[in-house]
PDB file of N, CA and C in Angstrom:
ATOM      1  N   MET A   1       0.186  -2.299 -20.423  1.00  0.00           N
ATOM      2  CA  MET A   1      -0.779  -1.635 -19.903  1.00  0.00           C
ATOM      3  C   MET A   1      -1.282  -0.116 -21.174  1.00  0.00           C
ATOM      4  N   VAL A   2      -0.375   0.514 -20.749  1.00  0.00           N
ATOM      5  CA  VAL A   2      -1.106   2.098 -21.065  1.00  0.00           C
ATOM      6  C   VAL A   2       0.190   2.511 -22.487  1.00  0.00           C
ATOM      7  N   TYR A   3       1.278   1.982 -22.698  1.00  0.00           N
ATOM      8  CA  TYR A   3       2.226   2.611 -23.503  1.00  0.00           C
ATOM      9  C   TYR A   3       2.014   1.555 -24.940  1.00  0.00           C
ATOM     10  N   LEU A   4       2.320  -0.260 -24.799  1.00  0.00           N
ATOM     11  CA  LEU A   4       1.957  -0.664 -25.820  1.00  0.00           C
ATOM     12  C   LEU A   4       0.791  -0.816 -26.257  1.00  0.00           C
ATOM     13  N   GLN A   5       0.064  -1.199 -25.547  1.00  0.00           N
ATOM     14  CA  GLN A   5      -1.811  -0.910 -26.018  1.00  0.00           C
ATOM     15  C   GLN A   5      -2.493  -0.180 -26.594  1.00  0.00           C
ATOM     16  N   GLN A   6      -2.876   0.221 -28.150  1.00  0.00           N
ATOM     17  CA  GLN A   6      -3.358   1.056 -28.269  1.00  0.00           C
ATOM     18  C   GLN A   6      -4.324   0.475 -28.901  1.00  0.00           C
ATOM     19  N   ASN A   7      -5.864   1.836 -29.084  1.00  0.00           N
ATOM     20  CA  ASN A   7      -6.581   1.890 -29.565  1.00  0.00           C
ATOM     21  C   ASN A   7      -7.134   1.863 -30.592  1.00  0.00           C
ATOM     22  N   ALA A   8      -7.344   0.668 -31.669  1.00  0.00           N
ATOM     23  CA  ALA A   8      -7.288   0.851 -33.194  1.00  0.00           C
ATOM     24  C   ALA A   8      -8.680   2.077 -33.100  1.00  0.00           C
ATOM     25  N   PHE A   9      -9.285   1.894 -32.548  1.00  0.00           N
ATOM     26  CA  PHE A   9     -10.502   2.946 -33.031  1.00  0.00           C
ATOM     27  C   PHE A   9     -10.604   4.276 -32.828  1.00  0.00           C
ATOM     28  N   SER A  10      -9.338   4.701 -32.396  1.00  0.00           N
ATOM     29  CA  SER A  10      -8.680   6.121 -32.040  1.00  0.00           C
ATOM     30  C   SER A  10      -8.096   6.838 -33.345  1.00  0.00           C
ATOM     31  N   GLU A  11      -8.544   7.690 -33.164  1.00  0.00           N
ATOM     32  CA  GLU A  11      -7.499   8.190 -35.093  1.00  0.00           C
ATOM     33  C   GLU A  11      -6.362   8.623 -34.800  1.00  0.00           C
ATOM     34  N   THR A  12      -6.301   9.302 -32.972  1.00  0.00           N
ATOM     35  CA  THR A  12      -4.825   9.791 -32.645  1.00  0.00           C
ATOM     36  C   THR A  12      -3.760   8.478 -32.037  1.00  0.00           C
ATOM     37  N   ASP A  13      -4.423   7.717 -31.401  1.00  0.00           N
ATOM     38  CA  ASP A  13      -3.795   6.060 -30.728  1.00  0.00           C
ATOM     39  C   ASP A  13      -3.486   5.425 -32.131  1.00  0.00           C
ATOM     40  N   ALA A  14      -4.220   5.330 -32.852  1.00  0.00           N
ATOM     41  CA  ALA A  14      -4.510   4.106 -33.866  1.00  0.00           C
ATOM     42  C   ALA A  14      -2.657   3.981 -34.654  1.00  0.00           C
ATOM     43  N   SER A  15      -2.148   5.354 -34.827  1.00  0.00           N
ATOM     44  CA  SER A  15      -0.780   5.061 -35.625  1.00  0.00           C
ATOM     45  C   SER A  15      -0.165   6.733 -34.667  1.00  0.00           C
ATOM     46  N   THR A  16       0.968   6.594 -33.887  1.00  0.00           N
ATOM     47  CA  THR A  16       1.805   7.585 -33.205  1.00  0.00           C
ATOM     48  C   THR A  16       2.891   8.192 -33.641  1.00  0.00           C
ATOM     49  N   PRO A  17       3.354   9.717 -33.722  1.00  0.00           N
ATOM     50  CA  PRO A  17       4.574   9.650 -33.978  1.00  0.00           C
ATOM     51  C   PRO A  17       5.644   9.234 -33.218  1.00  0.00           C
ATOM     52  N   LYS A  18       6.692   8.849 -33.799  1.00  0.00           N
ATOM     53  CA  LYS A  18       8.086   9.206 -33.107  1.00  0.00           C
ATOM     54  C   LYS A  18       8.137  10.059 -31.837  1.00  0.00           C
ATOM     55  N   GLU A  19       8.390  11.170 -32.081  1.00  0.00           N
ATOM     56  CA  GLU A  19       8.195  12.050 -31.250  1.00  0.00           C
ATOM     57  C   GLU A  19       6.581  12.289 -29.988  1.00  0.00           C
ATOM     58  N   ARG A  20       5.745  11.410 -30.146  1.00  0.00           N
ATOM     59  CA  ARG A  20       4.174  11.687 -29.534  1.00  0.00           C
ATOM     60  C   ARG A  20       4.997  10.235 -28.590  1.00  0.00           C
ATOM     61  N   GLN A  21       5.664   9.446 -29.284  1.00  0.00           N
ATOM     62  CA  GLN A  21       5.868   8.284 -28.807  1.00  0.00           C
ATOM     63  C   GLN A  21       6.763   8.327 -27.510  1.00  0.00           C
ATOM     64  N   ARG A  22       7.696   9.364 -27.930  1.00  0.00           N
ATOM     65  CA  ARG A  22       9.201   9.517 -26.622  1.00  0.00           C
ATOM     66  C   ARG A  22       8.572  10.301 -25.638  1.00  0.00           C
ATOM     67  N   ILE A  23       8.096  11.440 -25.798  1.00  0.00           N
ATOM     68  CA  ILE A  23       7.039  12.504 -24.899  1.00  0.00           C
ATOM     69  C   ILE A  23       6.576  10.677 -23.674  1.00  0.00           C
ATOM     70  N   MET A  24       5.441  10.361 -24.485  1.00  0.00           N
ATOM     71  CA  MET A  24       4.911   9.211 -23.768  1.00  0.00           C
ATOM     72  C   MET A  24       5.425   8.086 -22.871  1.00  0.00           C
ATOM     73  N   PHE A  25       6.921   7.610 -23.400  1.00  0.00           N
ATOM     74  CA  PHE A  25       7.674   6.433 -23.040  1.00  0.00           C
ATOM     75  C   PHE A  25       8.287   7.097 -21.828  1.00  0.00           C
ATOM     76  N   ASP A  26       8.646   8.108 -22.316  1.00  0.00           N
ATOM     77  CA  ASP A  26       9.764   9.178 -21.320  1.00  0.00           C
ATOM     78  C   ASP A  26       9.150   9.277 -19.705  1.00  0.00           C
ATOM     79  N   LEU A  27       6.890   9.385 -19.505  1.00  0.00           N
ATOM     80  CA  LEU A  27       6.546   9.743 -18.745  1.00  0.00           C
ATOM     81  C   LEU A  27       6.935   8.677 -17.685  1.00  0.00           C
ATOM     82  N   VAL A  28       6.315   7.354 -18.797  1.00  0.00           N
ATOM     83  CA  VAL A  28       5.721   5.926 -18.673  1.00  0.00           C
ATOM     84  C   VAL A  28       7.096   5.504 -17.528  1.00  0.00           C
ATOM     85  N   GLU A  29       8.447   6.167 -18.502  1.00  0.00           N
ATOM     86  CA  GLU A  29       9.580   4.978 -17.222  1.00  0.00           C
ATOM     87  C   GLU A  29       9.804   6.231 -15.783  1.00  0.00           C
ATOM     88  N   ARG A  30       9.316   7.286 -15.937  1.00  0.00           N
ATOM     89  CA  ARG A  30       9.297   8.205 -14.954  1.00  0.00           C
ATOM     90  C   ARG A  30       8.420   7.246 -13.803  1.00  0.00           C
ATOM     91  N   ALA A  31       7.165   7.217 -14.015  1.00  0.00           N
ATOM     92  CA  ALA A  31       6.368   6.392 -13.640  1.00  0.00           C
ATOM     93  C   ALA A  31       6.743   5.203 -12.661  1.00  0.00           C
ATOM     94  N   LEU A  32       6.952   4.570 -13.364  1.00  0.00           N
ATOM     95  CA  LEU A  32       8.090   3.387 -13.105  1.00  0.00           C
ATOM     96  C   LEU A  32       8.955   2.953 -12.305  1.00  0.00           C
ATOM     97  N   GLY A  33       9.713   4.718 -11.962  1.00  0.00           N
ATOM     98  CA  GLY A  33      11.133   5.021 -11.658  1.00  0.00           C
ATOM     99  C   GLY A  33      10.769   5.315 -10.208  1.00  0.00           C
ATOM    100  N   LEU A  34       9.522   5.786  -9.643  1.00  0.00           N
ATOM    101  CA  LEU A  34      10.047   6.427  -8.612  1.00  0.00           C
ATOM    102  C   LEU A  34       9.994   5.531  -7.402  1.00  0.00           C
ATOM    103  N   LYS A  35      10.613   5.675  -6.355  1.00  0.00           N
ATOM    104  CA  LYS A  35       9.531   4.993  -4.945  1.00  0.00           C
ATOM    105  C   LYS A  35       8.946   5.770  -4.222  1.00  0.00           C
ATOM    106  N   ARG A  36       8.085   4.410  -4.175  1.00  0.00           N
ATOM    107  CA  ARG A  36       6.792   4.785  -3.462  1.00  0.00           C
ATOM    108  C   ARG A  36       6.731   3.567  -2.282  1.00  0.00           C
ATOM    109  N   GLU A  37       5.371   4.615  -0.938  1.00  0.00           N
ATOM    110  CA  GLU A  37       5.209   3.772   0.266  1.00  0.00           C
ATOM    111  C   GLU A  37       3.692   3.836   0.070  1.00  0.00           C
ATOM    112  N   PHE A  38       3.106   2.712   0.052  1.00  0.00           N
ATOM    113  CA  PHE A  38       1.353   2.842   0.752  1.00  0.00           C
ATOM    114  C   PHE A  38       0.746   2.497   1.585  1.00  0.00           C
ATOM    115  N   PRO A  39       0.488   2.623   2.528  1.00  0.00           N
ATOM    116  CA  PRO A  39      -0.099   2.455   3.961  1.00  0.00           C
ATOM    117  C   PRO A  39      -0.615   0.696   3.517  1.00  0.00           C
ATOM    118  N   GLY A  40      -1.372   0.625   2.396  1.00  0.00           N
ATOM    119  CA  GLY A  40      -1.467  -0.821   2.236  1.00  0.00           C
ATOM    120  C   GLY A  40      -2.158  -1.200   0.730  1.00  0.00           C
ATOM    121  N   LYS A  41      -2.210  -2.316   0.489  1.00  0.00           N
ATOM    122  CA  LYS A  41      -2.660  -2.991  -0.731  1.00  0.00           C
ATOM    123  C   LYS A  41      -3.720  -2.298  -1.559  1.00  0.00           C
ATOM    124  N   ASP A  42      -5.077  -1.667  -1.030  1.00  0.00           N
ATOM    125  CA  ASP A  42      -5.806  -0.950  -1.638  1.00  0.00           C
ATOM    126  C   ASP A  42      -5.720   0.440  -2.115  1.00  0.00           C
ATOM    127  N   GLU A  43      -4.635   0.835  -1.242  1.00  0.00           N
ATOM    128  CA  GLU A  43      -4.407   2.793  -1.344  1.00  0.00           C
ATOM    129  C   GLU A  43      -3.446   2.052  -2.684  1.00  0.00           C
ATOM    130  N   ALA A  44      -2.618   1.306  -3.080  1.00  0.00           N
ATOM    131  CA  ALA A  44      -1.278   1.395  -3.848  1.00  0.00           C
ATOM    132  C   ALA A  44      -1.991   0.918  -5.163  1.00  0.00           C
ATOM    133  N   ARG A  45      -3.263   0.049  -5.363  1.00  0.00           N
ATOM    134  CA  ARG A  45      -3.865  -0.694  -5.850  1.00  0.00           C
ATOM    135  C   ARG A  45      -5.227   0.858  -6.969  1.00  0.00           C
ATOM    136  N   ARG A  46      -5.387   1.339  -5.813  1.00  0.00           N
ATOM    137  CA  ARG A  46      -6.288   2.034  -6.146  1.00  0.00           C
ATOM    138  C   ARG A  46      -5.582   3.743  -6.716  1.00  0.00           C
ATOM    139  N   PHE A  47      -4.363   3.618  -6.531  1.00  0.00           N
ATOM    140  CA  PHE A  47      -2.783   4.668  -6.876  1.00  0.00           C
ATOM    141  C   PHE A  47      -2.439   4.287  -8.459  1.00  0.00           C
ATOM    142  N   PHE A  48      -2.754   2.910  -8.468  1.00  0.00           N
ATOM    143  CA  PHE A  48      -1.916   2.638 -10.202  1.00  0.00           C
ATOM    144  C   PHE A  48      -3.210   2.785 -10.933  1.00  0.00           C
ATOM    145  N   LEU A  49      -4.018   2.027 -10.305  1.00  0.00           N
ATOM    146  CA  LEU A  49      -5.563   1.756 -11.504  1.00  0.00           C
ATOM    147  C   LEU A  49      -5.914   3.460 -12.074  1.00  0.00           C
ATOM    148  N   GLU A  50      -6.191   4.442 -10.809  1.00  0.00           N
ATOM    149  CA  GLU A  50      -5.986   5.941 -11.154  1.00  0.00           C
ATOM    150  C   GLU A  50      -5.167   6.506 -12.069  1.00  0.00           C
ATOM    151  N   LEU A  51      -3.885   5.940 -11.977  1.00  0.00           N
ATOM    152  CA  LEU A  51      -2.792   6.474 -13.179  1.00  0.00           C
ATOM    153  C   LEU A  51      -3.371   6.153 -14.596  1.00  0.00           C
ATOM    154  N   GLN A  52      -3.405   4.298 -14.366  1.00  0.00           N
ATOM    155  CA  GLN A  52      -3.165   3.472 -15.408  1.00  0.00           C
ATOM    156  C   GLN A  52      -4.811   4.435 -16.391  1.00  0.00           C
ATOM    157  N   GLN A  53      -5.895   4.639 -15.540  1.00  0.00           N
ATOM    158  CA  GLN A  53      -6.650   5.384 -16.950  1.00  0.00           C
ATOM    159  C   GLN A  53      -6.437   6.873 -17.254  1.00  0.00           C
ATOM    160  N   MET A  54      -5.486   7.728 -16.480  1.00  0.00           N
ATOM    161  CA  MET A  54      -5.571   8.746 -16.829  1.00  0.00           C
ATOM    162  C   MET A  54      -4.252   8.547 -18.394  1.00  0.00           C
ATOM    163  N   PHE A  55      -3.663   7.578 -18.217  1.00  0.00           N
ATOM    164  CA  PHE A  55      -2.845   6.992 -19.176  1.00  0.00           C
ATOM    165  C   PHE A  55      -3.365   7.088 -20.536  1.00  0.00           C
ATOM    166  N   ILE A  56      -4.190   6.189 -20.315  1.00  0.00           N
ATOM    167  CA  ILE A  56      -5.495   5.900 -21.345  1.00  0.00           C
ATOM    168  C   ILE A  56      -6.276   7.102 -22.004  1.00  0.00           C
ATOM    169  N   ASP A  57      -6.250   7.579 -21.234  1.00  0.00           N
ATOM    170  CA  ASP A  57      -7.543   9.031 -21.338  1.00  0.00           C
ATOM    171  C   ASP A  57      -6.272  10.045 -22.251  1.00  0.00           C
ATOM    172  N   TRP A  58      -5.333   9.787 -21.419  1.00  0.00           N
ATOM    173  CA  TRP A  58      -4.021  11.098 -22.264  1.00  0.00           C
ATOM    174  C   TRP A  58      -3.321  10.245 -23.498  1.00  0.00           C
ATOM    175  N   ASN A  59      -3.746   9.053 -23.316  1.00  0.00           N
ATOM    176  CA  ASN A  59      -3.035   8.591 -25.589  1.00  0.00           C
ATOM    177  C   ASN A  59      -4.088   8.924 -26.310  1.00  0.00           C
ATOM    178  N   ASP A  60      -5.504   9.512 -25.745  1.00  0.00           N
ATOM    179  CA  ASP A  60      -6.512   9.482 -27.253  1.00  0.00           C
ATOM    180  C   ASP A  60      -6.608  11.085 -27.253  1.00  0.00           C
ATOM    181  N   LYS A  61      -5.219  11.817 -26.944  1.00  0.00           N
ATOM    182  CA  LYS A  61      -5.734  13.038 -27.396  1.00  0.00           C
ATOM    183  C   LYS A  61      -4.931  13.636 -27.588  1.00  0.00           C
ATOM    184  N   PRO A  62      -4.869  14.922 -29.072  1.00  0.00           N
ATOM    185  CA  PRO A  62      -3.946  14.961 -30.112  1.00  0.00           C
ATOM    186  C   PRO A  62      -3.115  15.858 -29.653  1.00  0.00           C
ATOM    187  N   SER A  63      -1.604  15.071 -29.963  1.00  0.00           N
ATOM    188  CA  SER A  63      -0.359  16.171 -29.476  1.00  0.00           C
ATOM    189  C   SER A  63      -0.322  17.496 -30.063  1.00  0.00           C
ATOM    190  N   GLY A  64       0.334  17.733 -28.555  1.00  0.00           N
ATOM    191  CA  GLY A  64       0.061  20.142 -29.097  1.00  0.00           C
ATOM    192  C   GLY A  64      -1.213  20.647 -29.190  1.00  0.00           C
ATOM    193  N   THR A  65      -2.193  19.669 -28.023  1.00  0.00           N
ATOM    194  CA  THR A  65      -3.411  20.517 -27.708  1.00  0.00           C
ATOM    195  C   THR A  65      -3.435  20.673 -26.606  1.00  0.00           C
ATOM    196  N   ASP A  66      -4.091  21.727 -25.983  1.00  0.00           N
ATOM    197  CA  ASP A  66      -4.458  21.778 -24.708  1.00  0.00           C
ATOM    198  C   ASP A  66      -4.937  20.350 -23.561  1.00  0.00           C
ATOM    199  N   GLU A  67      -5.567  20.191 -24.362  1.00  0.00           N
ATOM    200  CA  GLU A  67      -5.944  18.595 -23.546  1.00  0.00           C
ATOM    201  C   GLU A  67      -4.718  17.756 -23.648  1.00  0.00           C
ATOM    202  N   PHE A  68      -3.924  17.757 -24.629  1.00  0.00           N
ATOM    203  CA  PHE A  68      -2.509  16.891 -24.314  1.00  0.00           C
ATOM    204  C   PHE A  68      -1.752  17.219 -23.287  1.00  0.00           C
ATOM    205  N   GLY A  69      -1.919  19.021 -23.157  1.00  0.00           N
ATOM    206  CA  GLY A  69      -0.190  19.326 -22.376  1.00  0.00           C
ATOM    207  C   GLY A  69      -1.471  19.320 -20.236  1.00  0.00           C
ATOM    208  N   ALA A  70      -2.792  19.532 -20.670  1.00  0.00           N
ATOM    209  CA  ALA A  70      -3.329  19.293 -19.143  1.00  0.00           C
ATOM    210  C   ALA A  70      -3.162  18.010 -18.749  1.00  0.00           C
ATOM    211  N   LEU A  71      -3.916  17.021 -19.669  1.00  0.00           N
ATOM    212  CA  LEU A  71      -3.510  15.474 -18.775  1.00  0.00           C
ATOM    213  C   LEU A  71      -2.194  15.044 -18.386  1.00  0.00           C
ATOM    214  N   LYS A  72      -1.207  15.276 -19.351  1.00  0.00           N
ATOM    215  CA  LYS A  72       0.058  15.179 -18.731  1.00  0.00           C
ATOM    216  C   LYS A  72       0.567  15.806 -18.089  1.00  0.00           C
ATOM    217  N   ALA A  73      -0.074  17.673 -17.601  1.00  0.00           N
ATOM    218  CA  ALA A  73       0.250  17.461 -16.317  1.00  0.00           C
ATOM    219  C   ALA A  73      -0.223  17.091 -15.247  1.00  0.00           C
ATOM    220  N   SER A  74      -1.268  16.583 -15.082  1.00  0.00           N
ATOM    221  CA  SER A  74      -1.966  15.921 -14.186  1.00  0.00           C
ATOM    222  C   SER A  74      -1.355  14.504 -13.633  1.00  0.00           C
ATOM    223  N   ILE A  75      -0.904  13.715 -15.138  1.00  0.00           N
ATOM    224  CA  ILE A  75      -0.040  12.563 -14.344  1.00  0.00           C
ATOM    225  C   ILE A  75       0.757  13.398 -13.751  1.00  0.00           C
ATOM    226  N   GLU A  76       1.522  14.260 -14.541  1.00  0.00           N
ATOM    227  CA  GLU A  76       3.243  14.392 -13.113  1.00  0.00           C
ATOM    228  C   GLU A  76       2.776  14.969 -11.903  1.00  0.00           C
ATOM    229  N   GLU A  77       1.605  15.873 -11.596  1.00  0.00           N
ATOM    230  CA  GLU A  77       1.301  15.822 -10.741  1.00  0.00           C
ATOM    231  C   GLU A  77       0.607  14.593  -9.619  1.00  0.00           C
ATOM    232  N   ARG A  78       0.031  14.094 -10.281  1.00  0.00           N
ATOM    233  CA  ARG A  78      -0.536  12.626  -9.684  1.00  0.00           C
ATOM    234  C   ARG A  78       0.757  11.919  -9.502  1.00  0.00           C
ATOM    235  N   LEU A  79       2.195  11.809  -9.893  1.00  0.00           N
ATOM    236  CA  LEU A  79       2.943  11.062  -9.719  1.00  0.00           C
ATOM    237  C   LEU A  79       3.905  11.702  -8.228  1.00  0.00           C
ATOM    238  N   ARG A  80       4.217  13.804  -8.362  1.00  0.00           N
ATOM    239  CA  ARG A  80       4.015  13.680  -7.384  1.00  0.00           C
ATOM    240  C   ARG A  80       3.600  13.619  -6.190  1.00  0.00           C
ATOM    241  N   GLU A  81       2.253  13.305  -6.441  1.00  0.00           N
ATOM    242  CA  GLU A  81       1.282  13.040  -4.910  1.00  0.00           C
ATOM    243  C   GLU A  81       1.767  11.851  -4.734  1.00  0.00           C
ATOM    244  N   GLY A  82       2.106  10.839  -5.291  1.00  0.00           N
ATOM    245  CA  GLY A  82       2.054   9.251  -5.012  1.00  0.00           C
ATOM    246  C   GLY A  82       3.725   8.781  -4.813  1.00  0.00           C
ATOM    247  N   LYS A  83       4.757   9.964  -4.935  1.00  0.00           N
ATOM    248  CA  LYS A  83       6.161   9.813  -4.452  1.00  0.00           C
ATOM    249  C   LYS A  83       6.475   9.980  -2.931  1.00  0.00           C
ATOM    250  N   ALA A  84       7.057   8.952  -2.525  1.00  0.00           N
ATOM    251  CA  ALA A  84       7.241   8.880  -0.867  1.00  0.00           C
ATOM    252  C   ALA A  84       8.251   9.889  -0.582  1.00  0.00           C
ATOM    253  N   GLY A  85       8.352  10.298   0.540  1.00  0.00           N
ATOM    254  CA  GLY A  85      10.006  11.664   0.663  1.00  0.00           C
ATOM    255  C   GLY A  85      10.989  10.570   1.078  1.00  0.00           C
TER     256      GLY A  85
END
């Protein structure tokens, strides 16, 4: 839902250069590969819905901008928080 689904109304997300796709796919792949443990279904659902929204917001930010870098860093931090130790 965060990689293949594009927003045709967004100039940034409607057509994505190969390098940007690589950056984004690598982070999606990392997110899917992490081992996590949650106390319950509600916490797991909340984590993934928040993460999904972060990726959707990131999709709309132009590459190379401060916003793009800041959202990438926020996603990486969220992944570290959700990682089981």
